[in-house]
mmCIF file of all heavy atoms, coordinates in Angstrom:
data_MODEL
# 
_entry.id   MODEL 
# 
loop_
_atom_site.group_PDB 
_atom_site.id 
_atom_site.type_symbol 
_atom_site.label_atom_id 
_atom_site.label_alt_id 
_atom_site.label_comp_id 
_atom_site.label_asym_id 
_atom_site.label_entity_id 
_atom_site.label_seq_id 
_atom_site.pdbx_PDB_ins_code 
_atom_site.Cartn_x 
_atom_site.Cartn_y 
_atom_site.Cartn_z 
_atom_site.occupancy 
_atom_site.B_iso_or_equiv 
_atom_site.pdbx_formal_charge 
_atom_site.auth_seq_id 
_atom_site.auth_comp_id 
_atom_site.auth_asym_id 
_atom_site.auth_atom_id 
_atom_site.pdbx_PDB_model_num 
ATOM 1   N N   . LEU A 1 1  ? 0.828  -1.213 0.000   1.00 0.00 ? 1  LEU A N   1 
ATOM 2   C CA  . LEU A 1 1  ? 0.000  0.000  0.000   1.00 0.00 ? 1  LEU A CA  1 
ATOM 3   C C   . LEU A 1 1  ? 0.860  1.260  0.000   1.00 0.00 ? 1  LEU A C   1 
ATOM 4   O O   . LEU A 1 1  ? 0.491  2.264  -0.605  1.00 0.00 ? 1  LEU A O   1 
ATOM 5   C CB  . LEU A 1 1  ? -0.941 0.025  1.202   1.00 0.00 ? 1  LEU A CB  1 
ATOM 6   C CG  . LEU A 1 1  ? -2.329 -0.591 1.048   1.00 0.00 ? 1  LEU A CG  1 
ATOM 7   C CD1 . LEU A 1 1  ? -3.237 -0.134 2.181   1.00 0.00 ? 1  LEU A CD1 1 
ATOM 8   C CD2 . LEU A 1 1  ? -2.975 -0.283 -0.296  1.00 0.00 ? 1  LEU A CD2 1 
ATOM 9   N N   . PHE A 1 2  ? 2.007  1.209  0.670   1.00 0.00 ? 2  PHE A N   1 
ATOM 10  C CA  . PHE A 1 2  ? 2.931  2.346  0.608   1.00 0.00 ? 2  PHE A CA  1 
ATOM 11  C C   . PHE A 1 2  ? 3.446  2.514  -0.822  1.00 0.00 ? 2  PHE A C   1 
ATOM 12  O O   . PHE A 1 2  ? 3.549  3.629  -1.328  1.00 0.00 ? 2  PHE A O   1 
ATOM 13  C CB  . PHE A 1 2  ? 4.097  2.126  1.581   1.00 0.00 ? 2  PHE A CB  1 
ATOM 14  C CG  . PHE A 1 2  ? 3.782  2.511  2.991   1.00 0.00 ? 2  PHE A CG  1 
ATOM 15  C CD1 . PHE A 1 2  ? 3.064  1.657  3.823   1.00 0.00 ? 2  PHE A CD1 1 
ATOM 16  C CD2 . PHE A 1 2  ? 4.192  3.728  3.501   1.00 0.00 ? 2  PHE A CD2 1 
ATOM 17  C CE1 . PHE A 1 2  ? 2.770  2.017  5.132   1.00 0.00 ? 2  PHE A CE1 1 
ATOM 18  C CE2 . PHE A 1 2  ? 3.903  4.098  4.809   1.00 0.00 ? 2  PHE A CE2 1 
ATOM 19  C CZ  . PHE A 1 2  ? 3.191  3.240  5.622   1.00 0.00 ? 2  PHE A CZ  1 
ATOM 20  N N   . ARG A 1 3  ? 3.778  1.401  -1.456  1.00 0.00 ? 3  ARG A N   1 
ATOM 21  C CA  . ARG A 1 3  ? 4.221  1.469  -2.847  1.00 0.00 ? 3  ARG A CA  1 
ATOM 22  C C   . ARG A 1 3  ? 3.130  2.054  -3.729  1.00 0.00 ? 3  ARG A C   1 
ATOM 23  O O   . ARG A 1 3  ? 3.383  2.931  -4.571  1.00 0.00 ? 3  ARG A O   1 
ATOM 24  C CB  . ARG A 1 3  ? 4.581  0.058  -3.340  1.00 0.00 ? 3  ARG A CB  1 
ATOM 25  C CG  . ARG A 1 3  ? 5.190  0.027  -4.746  1.00 0.00 ? 3  ARG A CG  1 
ATOM 26  C CD  . ARG A 1 3  ? 5.344  -1.391 -5.253  1.00 0.00 ? 3  ARG A CD  1 
ATOM 27  N NE  . ARG A 1 3  ? 4.066  -1.970 -5.619  1.00 0.00 ? 3  ARG A NE  1 
ATOM 28  C CZ  . ARG A 1 3  ? 3.615  -3.144 -5.174  1.00 0.00 ? 3  ARG A CZ  1 
ATOM 29  N NH1 . ARG A 1 3  ? 4.319  -3.854 -4.316  1.00 0.00 ? 3  ARG A NH1 1 
ATOM 30  N NH2 . ARG A 1 3  ? 2.433  -3.597 -5.562  1.00 0.00 ? 3  ARG A NH2 1 
ATOM 31  N N   . ALA A 1 4  ? 1.892  1.607  -3.521  1.00 0.00 ? 4  ALA A N   1 
ATOM 32  C CA  . ALA A 1 4  ? 0.770  2.110  -4.313  1.00 0.00 ? 4  ALA A CA  1 
ATOM 33  C C   . ALA A 1 4  ? 0.573  3.611  -4.108  1.00 0.00 ? 4  ALA A C   1 
ATOM 34  O O   . ALA A 1 4  ? 0.217  4.328  -5.044  1.00 0.00 ? 4  ALA A O   1 
ATOM 35  C CB  . ALA A 1 4  ? -0.509 1.362  -3.951  1.00 0.00 ? 4  ALA A CB  1 
ATOM 36  N N   . ALA A 1 5  ? 0.803  4.089  -2.887  1.00 0.00 ? 5  ALA A N   1 
ATOM 37  C CA  . ALA A 1 5  ? 0.636  5.518  -2.604  1.00 0.00 ? 5  ALA A CA  1 
ATOM 38  C C   . ALA A 1 5  ? 1.567  6.351  -3.471  1.00 0.00 ? 5  ALA A C   1 
ATOM 39  O O   . ALA A 1 5  ? 1.148  7.337  -4.103  1.00 0.00 ? 5  ALA A O   1 
ATOM 40  C CB  . ALA A 1 5  ? 0.902  5.793  -1.124  1.00 0.00 ? 5  ALA A CB  1 
ATOM 41  N N   . LEU A 1 6  ? 2.831  5.964  -3.529  1.00 0.00 ? 6  LEU A N   1 
ATOM 42  C CA  . LEU A 1 6  ? 3.792  6.725  -4.328  1.00 0.00 ? 6  LEU A CA  1 
ATOM 43  C C   . LEU A 1 6  ? 3.556  6.526  -5.821  1.00 0.00 ? 6  LEU A C   1 
ATOM 44  O O   . LEU A 1 6  ? 3.732  7.452  -6.613  1.00 0.00 ? 6  LEU A O   1 
ATOM 45  C CB  . LEU A 1 6  ? 5.235  6.350  -3.943  1.00 0.00 ? 6  LEU A CB  1 
ATOM 46  C CG  . LEU A 1 6  ? 5.788  7.194  -2.778  1.00 0.00 ? 6  LEU A CG  1 
ATOM 47  C CD1 . LEU A 1 6  ? 5.136  6.797  -1.452  1.00 0.00 ? 6  LEU A CD1 1 
ATOM 48  C CD2 . LEU A 1 6  ? 7.298  7.055  -2.663  1.00 0.00 ? 6  LEU A CD2 1 
ATOM 49  N N   . GLU A 1 7  ? 3.137  5.332  -6.201  1.00 0.00 ? 7  GLU A N   1 
ATOM 50  C CA  . GLU A 1 7  ? 2.848  5.090  -7.612  1.00 0.00 ? 7  GLU A CA  1 
ATOM 51  C C   . GLU A 1 7  ? 1.670  5.923  -8.088  1.00 0.00 ? 7  GLU A C   1 
ATOM 52  O O   . GLU A 1 7  ? 1.707  6.529  -9.166  1.00 0.00 ? 7  GLU A O   1 
ATOM 53  C CB  . GLU A 1 7  ? 2.564  3.595  -7.833  1.00 0.00 ? 7  GLU A CB  1 
ATOM 54  C CG  . GLU A 1 7  ? 3.798  2.707  -7.712  1.00 0.00 ? 7  GLU A CG  1 
ATOM 55  C CD  . GLU A 1 7  ? 3.502  1.242  -7.909  1.00 0.00 ? 7  GLU A CD  1 
ATOM 56  O OE1 . GLU A 1 7  ? 2.303  0.867  -7.920  1.00 0.00 ? 7  GLU A OE1 1 
ATOM 57  O OE2 . GLU A 1 7  ? 4.456  0.458  -8.038  1.00 0.00 ? 7  GLU A OE2 1 
ATOM 58  N N   . MET A 1 8  ? 0.603  5.991  -7.291  1.00 0.00 ? 8  MET A N   1 
ATOM 59  C CA  . MET A 1 8  ? -0.559 6.786  -7.700  1.00 0.00 ? 8  MET A CA  1 
ATOM 60  C C   . MET A 1 8  ? -0.231 8.271  -7.709  1.00 0.00 ? 8  MET A C   1 
ATOM 61  O O   . MET A 1 8  ? -0.686 9.007  -8.590  1.00 0.00 ? 8  MET A O   1 
ATOM 62  C CB  . MET A 1 8  ? -1.754 6.484  -6.788  1.00 0.00 ? 8  MET A CB  1 
ATOM 63  C CG  . MET A 1 8  ? -2.321 5.095  -6.980  1.00 0.00 ? 8  MET A CG  1 
ATOM 64  S SD  . MET A 1 8  ? -3.954 4.855  -6.213  1.00 0.00 ? 8  MET A SD  1 
ATOM 65  C CE  . MET A 1 8  ? -3.552 5.035  -4.469  1.00 0.00 ? 8  MET A CE  1 
ATOM 66  N N   . GLY A 1 9  ? 0.560  8.725  -6.732  1.00 0.00 ? 9  GLY A N   1 
ATOM 67  C CA  . GLY A 1 9  ? 0.988  10.120 -6.752  1.00 0.00 ? 9  GLY A CA  1 
ATOM 68  C C   . GLY A 1 9  ? 1.794  10.465 -7.985  1.00 0.00 ? 9  GLY A C   1 
ATOM 69  O O   . GLY A 1 9  ? 1.709  11.586 -8.513  1.00 0.00 ? 9  GLY A O   1 
ATOM 70  N N   . THR A 1 10 ? 2.553  9.496  -8.453  1.00 0.00 ? 10 THR A N   1 
ATOM 71  C CA  . THR A 1 10 ? 3.339  9.678  -9.677  1.00 0.00 ? 10 THR A CA  1 
ATOM 72  C C   . THR A 1 10 ? 2.433  9.713  -10.908 1.00 0.00 ? 10 THR A C   1 
ATOM 73  O O   . THR A 1 10 ? 2.602  10.557 -11.804 1.00 0.00 ? 10 THR A O   1 
ATOM 74  C CB  . THR A 1 10 ? 4.377  8.553  -9.813  1.00 0.00 ? 10 THR A CB  1 
ATOM 75  O OG1 . THR A 1 10 ? 5.193  8.520  -8.636  1.00 0.00 ? 10 THR A OG1 1 
ATOM 76  C CG2 . THR A 1 10 ? 5.267  8.760  -11.026 1.00 0.00 ? 10 THR A CG2 1 
ATOM 77  N N   . ILE A 1 11 ? 1.449  8.825  -10.942 1.00 0.00 ? 11 ILE A N   1 
ATOM 78  C CA  . ILE A 1 11 ? 0.524  8.758  -12.077 1.00 0.00 ? 11 ILE A CA  1 
ATOM 79  C C   . ILE A 1 11 ? -0.267 10.044 -12.238 1.00 0.00 ? 11 ILE A C   1 
ATOM 80  O O   . ILE A 1 11 ? -0.414 10.568 -13.356 1.00 0.00 ? 11 ILE A O   1 
ATOM 81  C CB  . ILE A 1 11 ? -0.437 7.556  -11.923 1.00 0.00 ? 11 ILE A CB  1 
ATOM 82  C CG1 . ILE A 1 11 ? 0.309  6.242  -12.158 1.00 0.00 ? 11 ILE A CG1 1 
ATOM 83  C CG2 . ILE A 1 11 ? -1.629 7.675  -12.873 1.00 0.00 ? 11 ILE A CG2 1 
ATOM 84  C CD1 . ILE A 1 11 ? 0.840  6.049  -13.557 1.00 0.00 ? 11 ILE A CD1 1 
ATOM 85  N N   . VAL A 1 12 ? -0.791 10.592 -11.136 1.00 0.00 ? 12 VAL A N   1 
ATOM 86  C CA  . VAL A 1 12 ? -1.602 11.802 -11.265 1.00 0.00 ? 12 VAL A CA  1 
ATOM 87  C C   . VAL A 1 12 ? -0.760 13.009 -11.664 1.00 0.00 ? 12 VAL A C   1 
ATOM 88  O O   . VAL A 1 12 ? -1.305 14.051 -12.036 1.00 0.00 ? 12 VAL A O   1 
ATOM 89  C CB  . VAL A 1 12 ? -2.403 12.118 -9.977  1.00 0.00 ? 12 VAL A CB  1 
ATOM 90  C CG1 . VAL A 1 12 ? -3.297 10.957 -9.604  1.00 0.00 ? 12 VAL A CG1 1 
ATOM 91  C CG2 . VAL A 1 12 ? -1.485 12.481 -8.817  1.00 0.00 ? 12 VAL A CG2 1 
ATOM 92  N N   . SER A 1 13 ? 0.558  12.853 -11.620 1.00 0.00 ? 13 SER A N   1 
ATOM 93  C CA  . SER A 1 13 ? 1.463  13.912 -12.074 1.00 0.00 ? 13 SER A CA  1 
ATOM 94  C C   . SER A 1 13 ? 1.718  13.839 -13.572 1.00 0.00 ? 13 SER A C   1 
ATOM 95  O O   . SER A 1 13 ? 2.446  14.676 -14.115 1.00 0.00 ? 13 SER A O   1 
ATOM 96  C CB  . SER A 1 13 ? 2.799  13.806 -11.329 1.00 0.00 ? 13 SER A CB  1 
ATOM 97  O OG  . SER A 1 13 ? 2.603  13.803 -9.933  1.00 0.00 ? 13 SER A OG  1 
ATOM 98  N N   . GLY A 1 14 ? 1.140  12.834 -14.223 1.00 0.00 ? 14 GLY A N   1 
ATOM 99  C CA  . GLY A 1 14 ? 1.310  12.707 -15.668 1.00 0.00 ? 14 GLY A CA  1 
ATOM 100 C C   . GLY A 1 14 ? 2.521  11.892 -16.077 1.00 0.00 ? 14 GLY A C   1 
ATOM 101 O O   . GLY A 1 14 ? 2.919  11.907 -17.248 1.00 0.00 ? 14 GLY A O   1 
ATOM 102 N N   . ILE A 1 15 ? 3.125  11.160 -15.150 1.00 0.00 ? 15 ILE A N   1 
ATOM 103 C CA  . ILE A 1 15 ? 4.311  10.350 -15.446 1.00 0.00 ? 15 ILE A CA  1 
ATOM 104 C C   . ILE A 1 15 ? 3.875  8.941  -15.836 1.00 0.00 ? 15 ILE A C   1 
ATOM 105 O O   . ILE A 1 15 ? 3.020  8.336  -15.187 1.00 0.00 ? 15 ILE A O   1 
ATOM 106 C CB  . ILE A 1 15 ? 5.263  10.329 -14.236 1.00 0.00 ? 15 ILE A CB  1 
ATOM 107 C CG1 . ILE A 1 15 ? 5.794  11.742 -13.986 1.00 0.00 ? 15 ILE A CG1 1 
ATOM 108 C CG2 . ILE A 1 15 ? 6.412  9.347  -14.441 1.00 0.00 ? 15 ILE A CG2 1 
ATOM 109 C CD1 . ILE A 1 15 ? 6.598  11.892 -12.720 1.00 0.00 ? 15 ILE A CD1 1 
ATOM 110 N N   . ASP A 1 16 ? 4.476  8.399  -16.868 1.00 0.00 ? 16 ASP A N   1 
ATOM 111 C CA  . ASP A 1 16 ? 4.093  7.107  -17.422 1.00 0.00 ? 16 ASP A CA  1 
ATOM 112 C C   . ASP A 1 16 ? 4.504  5.960  -16.505 1.00 0.00 ? 16 ASP A C   1 
ATOM 113 O O   . ASP A 1 16 ? 5.557  6.004  -15.864 1.00 0.00 ? 16 ASP A O   1 
ATOM 114 C CB  . ASP A 1 16 ? 4.761  6.920  -18.793 1.00 0.00 ? 16 ASP A CB  1 
ATOM 115 C CG  . ASP A 1 16 ? 4.229  5.704  -19.514 1.00 0.00 ? 16 ASP A CG  1 
ATOM 116 O OD1 . ASP A 1 16 ? 3.201  5.826  -20.202 1.00 0.00 ? 16 ASP A OD1 1 
ATOM 117 O OD2 . ASP A 1 16 ? 4.839  4.629  -19.386 1.00 0.00 ? 16 ASP A OD2 1 
ATOM 118 N N   . ARG A 1 17 ? 3.684  4.901  -16.479 1.00 0.00 ? 17 ARG A N   1 
ATOM 119 C CA  . ARG A 1 17 ? 3.975  3.737  -15.633 1.00 0.00 ? 17 ARG A CA  1 
ATOM 120 C C   . ARG A 1 17 ? 5.222  2.983  -16.068 1.00 0.00 ? 17 ARG A C   1 
ATOM 121 O O   . ARG A 1 17 ? 5.801  2.221  -15.275 1.00 0.00 ? 17 ARG A O   1 
ATOM 122 C CB  . ARG A 1 17 ? 2.795  2.762  -15.632 1.00 0.00 ? 17 ARG A CB  1 
ATOM 123 C CG  . ARG A 1 17 ? 1.592  3.241  -14.868 1.00 0.00 ? 17 ARG A CG  1 
ATOM 124 C CD  . ARG A 1 17 ? 0.473  2.217  -14.868 1.00 0.00 ? 17 ARG A CD  1 
ATOM 125 N NE  . ARG A 1 17 ? 0.771  1.075  -14.014 1.00 0.00 ? 17 ARG A NE  1 
ATOM 126 C CZ  . ARG A 1 17 ? -0.062 0.064  -13.816 1.00 0.00 ? 17 ARG A CZ  1 
ATOM 127 N NH1 . ARG A 1 17 ? -1.242 0.048  -14.443 1.00 0.00 ? 17 ARG A NH1 1 
ATOM 128 N NH2 . ARG A 1 17 ? 0.266  -0.938 -13.022 1.00 0.00 ? 17 ARG A NH2 1 
ATOM 129 N N   . ASN A 1 18 ? 5.648  3.171  -17.297 1.00 0.00 ? 18 ASN A N   1 
ATOM 130 C CA  . ASN A 1 18 ? 6.837  2.469  -17.801 1.00 0.00 ? 18 ASN A CA  1 
ATOM 131 C C   . ASN A 1 18 ? 8.124  3.278  -17.649 1.00 0.00 ? 18 ASN A C   1 
ATOM 132 O O   . ASN A 1 18 ? 9.186  2.826  -18.059 1.00 0.00 ? 18 ASN A O   1 
ATOM 133 C CB  . ASN A 1 18 ? 6.643  2.107  -19.276 1.00 0.00 ? 18 ASN A CB  1 
ATOM 134 C CG  . ASN A 1 18 ? 5.498  1.131  -19.484 1.00 0.00 ? 18 ASN A CG  1 
ATOM 135 O OD1 . ASN A 1 18 ? 5.363  0.167  -18.738 1.00 0.00 ? 18 ASN A OD1 1 
ATOM 136 N ND2 . ASN A 1 18 ? 4.673  1.383  -20.475 1.00 0.00 ? 18 ASN A ND2 1 
ATOM 137 N N   . SER A 1 19 ? 8.030  4.443  -17.046 1.00 0.00 ? 19 SER A N   1 
ATOM 138 C CA  . SER A 1 19 ? 9.196  5.323  -16.937 1.00 0.00 ? 19 SER A CA  1 
ATOM 139 C C   . SER A 1 19 ? 10.100 4.932  -15.773 1.00 0.00 ? 19 SER A C   1 
ATOM 140 O O   . SER A 1 19 ? 9.689  4.255  -14.827 1.00 0.00 ? 19 SER A O   1 
ATOM 141 C CB  . SER A 1 19 ? 8.739  6.773  -16.754 1.00 0.00 ? 19 SER A CB  1 
ATOM 142 O OG  . SER A 1 19 ? 8.120  6.930  -15.487 1.00 0.00 ? 19 SER A OG  1 
ATOM 143 N N   . LYS A 1 20 ? 11.338 5.403  -15.828 1.00 0.00 ? 20 LYS A N   1 
ATOM 144 C CA  . LYS A 1 20 ? 12.290 5.174  -14.742 1.00 0.00 ? 20 LYS A CA  1 
ATOM 145 C C   . LYS A 1 20 ? 11.849 5.909  -13.479 1.00 0.00 ? 20 LYS A C   1 
ATOM 146 O O   . LYS A 1 20 ? 12.084 5.432  -12.360 1.00 0.00 ? 20 LYS A O   1 
ATOM 147 C CB  . LYS A 1 20 ? 13.685 5.630  -15.164 1.00 0.00 ? 20 LYS A CB  1 
ATOM 148 C CG  . LYS A 1 20 ? 14.333 4.746  -16.219 1.00 0.00 ? 20 LYS A CG  1 
ATOM 149 C CD  . LYS A 1 20 ? 15.746 5.215  -16.544 1.00 0.00 ? 20 LYS A CD  1 
ATOM 150 C CE  . LYS A 1 20 ? 16.395 4.314  -17.586 1.00 0.00 ? 20 LYS A CE  1 
ATOM 151 N NZ  . LYS A 1 20 ? 17.773 4.770  -17.930 1.00 0.00 ? 20 LYS A NZ  1 
ATOM 152 N N   . GLN A 1 21 ? 11.225 7.068  -13.655 1.00 0.00 ? 21 GLN A N   1 
ATOM 153 C CA  . GLN A 1 21 ? 10.734 7.818  -12.509 1.00 0.00 ? 21 GLN A CA  1 
ATOM 154 C C   . GLN A 1 21 ? 9.696  7.011  -11.734 1.00 0.00 ? 21 GLN A C   1 
ATOM 155 O O   . GLN A 1 21 ? 9.714  6.952  -10.494 1.00 0.00 ? 21 GLN A O   1 
ATOM 156 C CB  . GLN A 1 21 ? 10.099 9.143  -12.969 1.00 0.00 ? 21 GLN A CB  1 
ATOM 157 C CG  . GLN A 1 21 ? 11.058 10.104 -13.639 1.00 0.00 ? 21 GLN A CG  1 
ATOM 158 C CD  . GLN A 1 21 ? 11.891 10.884 -12.621 1.00 0.00 ? 21 GLN A CD  1 
ATOM 159 O OE1 . GLN A 1 21 ? 12.792 10.335 -12.008 1.00 0.00 ? 21 GLN A OE1 1 
ATOM 160 N NE2 . GLN A 1 21 ? 11.577 12.146 -12.453 1.00 0.00 ? 21 GLN A NE2 1 
ATOM 161 N N   . PHE A 1 22 ? 8.786  6.388  -12.479 1.00 0.00 ? 22 PHE A N   1 
ATOM 162 C CA  . PHE A 1 22 ? 7.744  5.579  -11.839 1.00 0.00 ? 22 PHE A CA  1 
ATOM 163 C C   . PHE A 1 22 ? 8.371  4.407  -11.091 1.00 0.00 ? 22 PHE A C   1 
ATOM 164 O O   . PHE A 1 22 ? 8.007  4.119  -9.946  1.00 0.00 ? 22 PHE A O   1 
ATOM 165 C CB  . PHE A 1 22 ? 6.757  5.070  -12.891 1.00 0.00 ? 22 PHE A CB  1 
ATOM 166 C CG  . PHE A 1 22 ? 5.631  4.249  -12.323 1.00 0.00 ? 22 PHE A CG  1 
ATOM 167 C CD1 . PHE A 1 22 ? 4.457  4.863  -11.908 1.00 0.00 ? 22 PHE A CD1 1 
ATOM 168 C CD2 . PHE A 1 22 ? 5.752  2.871  -12.193 1.00 0.00 ? 22 PHE A CD2 1 
ATOM 169 C CE1 . PHE A 1 22 ? 3.415  4.105  -11.383 1.00 0.00 ? 22 PHE A CE1 1 
ATOM 170 C CE2 . PHE A 1 22 ? 4.719  2.109  -11.654 1.00 0.00 ? 22 PHE A CE2 1 
ATOM 171 C CZ  . PHE A 1 22 ? 3.540  2.732  -11.255 1.00 0.00 ? 22 PHE A CZ  1 
ATOM 172 N N   . GLN A 1 23 ? 9.307  3.717  -11.725 1.00 0.00 ? 23 GLN A N   1 
ATOM 173 C CA  . GLN A 1 23 ? 9.953  2.573  -11.089 1.00 0.00 ? 23 GLN A CA  1 
ATOM 174 C C   . GLN A 1 23 ? 10.711 2.983  -9.838  1.00 0.00 ? 23 GLN A C   1 
ATOM 175 O O   . GLN A 1 23 ? 10.720 2.267  -8.830  1.00 0.00 ? 23 GLN A O   1 
ATOM 176 C CB  . GLN A 1 23 ? 10.895 1.889  -12.085 1.00 0.00 ? 23 GLN A CB  1 
ATOM 177 C CG  . GLN A 1 23 ? 10.204 1.287  -13.303 1.00 0.00 ? 23 GLN A CG  1 
ATOM 178 C CD  . GLN A 1 23 ? 9.119  0.284  -12.925 1.00 0.00 ? 23 GLN A CD  1 
ATOM 179 O OE1 . GLN A 1 23 ? 9.282  -0.493 -12.001 1.00 0.00 ? 23 GLN A OE1 1 
ATOM 180 N NE2 . GLN A 1 23 ? 8.009  0.313  -13.647 1.00 0.00 ? 23 GLN A NE2 1 
ATOM 181 N N   . ALA A 1 24 ? 11.349 4.141  -9.889  1.00 0.00 ? 24 ALA A N   1 
ATOM 182 C CA  . ALA A 1 24 ? 12.089 4.637  -8.724  1.00 0.00 ? 24 ALA A CA  1 
ATOM 183 C C   . ALA A 1 24 ? 11.130 4.902  -7.560  1.00 0.00 ? 24 ALA A C   1 
ATOM 184 O O   . ALA A 1 24 ? 11.394 4.481  -6.422  1.00 0.00 ? 24 ALA A O   1 
ATOM 185 C CB  . ALA A 1 24 ? 12.851 5.910  -9.081  1.00 0.00 ? 24 ALA A CB  1 
ATOM 186 N N   . MET A 1 25 ? 10.020 5.568  -7.827  1.00 0.00 ? 25 MET A N   1 
ATOM 187 C CA  . MET A 1 25 ? 9.075  5.872  -6.766  1.00 0.00 ? 25 MET A CA  1 
ATOM 188 C C   . MET A 1 25 ? 8.419  4.609  -6.220  1.00 0.00 ? 25 MET A C   1 
ATOM 189 O O   . MET A 1 25 ? 8.111  4.517  -5.026  1.00 0.00 ? 25 MET A O   1 
ATOM 190 C CB  . MET A 1 25 ? 8.018  6.857  -7.263  1.00 0.00 ? 25 MET A CB  1 
ATOM 191 C CG  . MET A 1 25 ? 8.574  8.227  -7.642  1.00 0.00 ? 25 MET A CG  1 
ATOM 192 S SD  . MET A 1 25 ? 9.541  9.014  -6.329  1.00 0.00 ? 25 MET A SD  1 
ATOM 193 C CE  . MET A 1 25 ? 8.254  9.399  -5.141  1.00 0.00 ? 25 MET A CE  1 
ATOM 194 N N   . SER A 1 26 ? 8.220  3.621  -7.081  1.00 0.00 ? 26 SER A N   1 
ATOM 195 C CA  . SER A 1 26 ? 7.694  2.334  -6.633  1.00 0.00 ? 26 SER A CA  1 
ATOM 196 C C   . SER A 1 26 ? 8.632  1.694  -5.617  1.00 0.00 ? 26 SER A C   1 
ATOM 197 O O   . SER A 1 26 ? 8.214  1.198  -4.565  1.00 0.00 ? 26 SER A O   1 
ATOM 198 C CB  . SER A 1 26 ? 7.506  1.409  -7.845  1.00 0.00 ? 26 SER A CB  1 
ATOM 199 O OG  . SER A 1 26 ? 7.002  0.156  -7.451  1.00 0.00 ? 26 SER A OG  1 
ATOM 200 N N   . SER A 1 27 ? 9.927  1.718  -5.920  1.00 0.00 ? 27 SER A N   1 
ATOM 201 C CA  . SER A 1 27 ? 10.933 1.169  -5.018  1.00 0.00 ? 27 SER A CA  1 
ATOM 202 C C   . SER A 1 27 ? 10.972 1.932  -3.698  1.00 0.00 ? 27 SER A C   1 
ATOM 203 O O   . SER A 1 27 ? 11.063 1.342  -2.612  1.00 0.00 ? 27 SER A O   1 
ATOM 204 C CB  . SER A 1 27 ? 12.309 1.208  -5.681  1.00 0.00 ? 27 SER A CB  1 
ATOM 205 O OG  . SER A 1 27 ? 13.334 0.865  -4.772  1.00 0.00 ? 27 SER A OG  1 
# 
């Protein structure tokens, strides 16, 4: 759920799920 929190925050910023930024925030 913590991972999902940062992933969703990244998504609503317009960042693609396949990007390095998204993967970094997931980690």
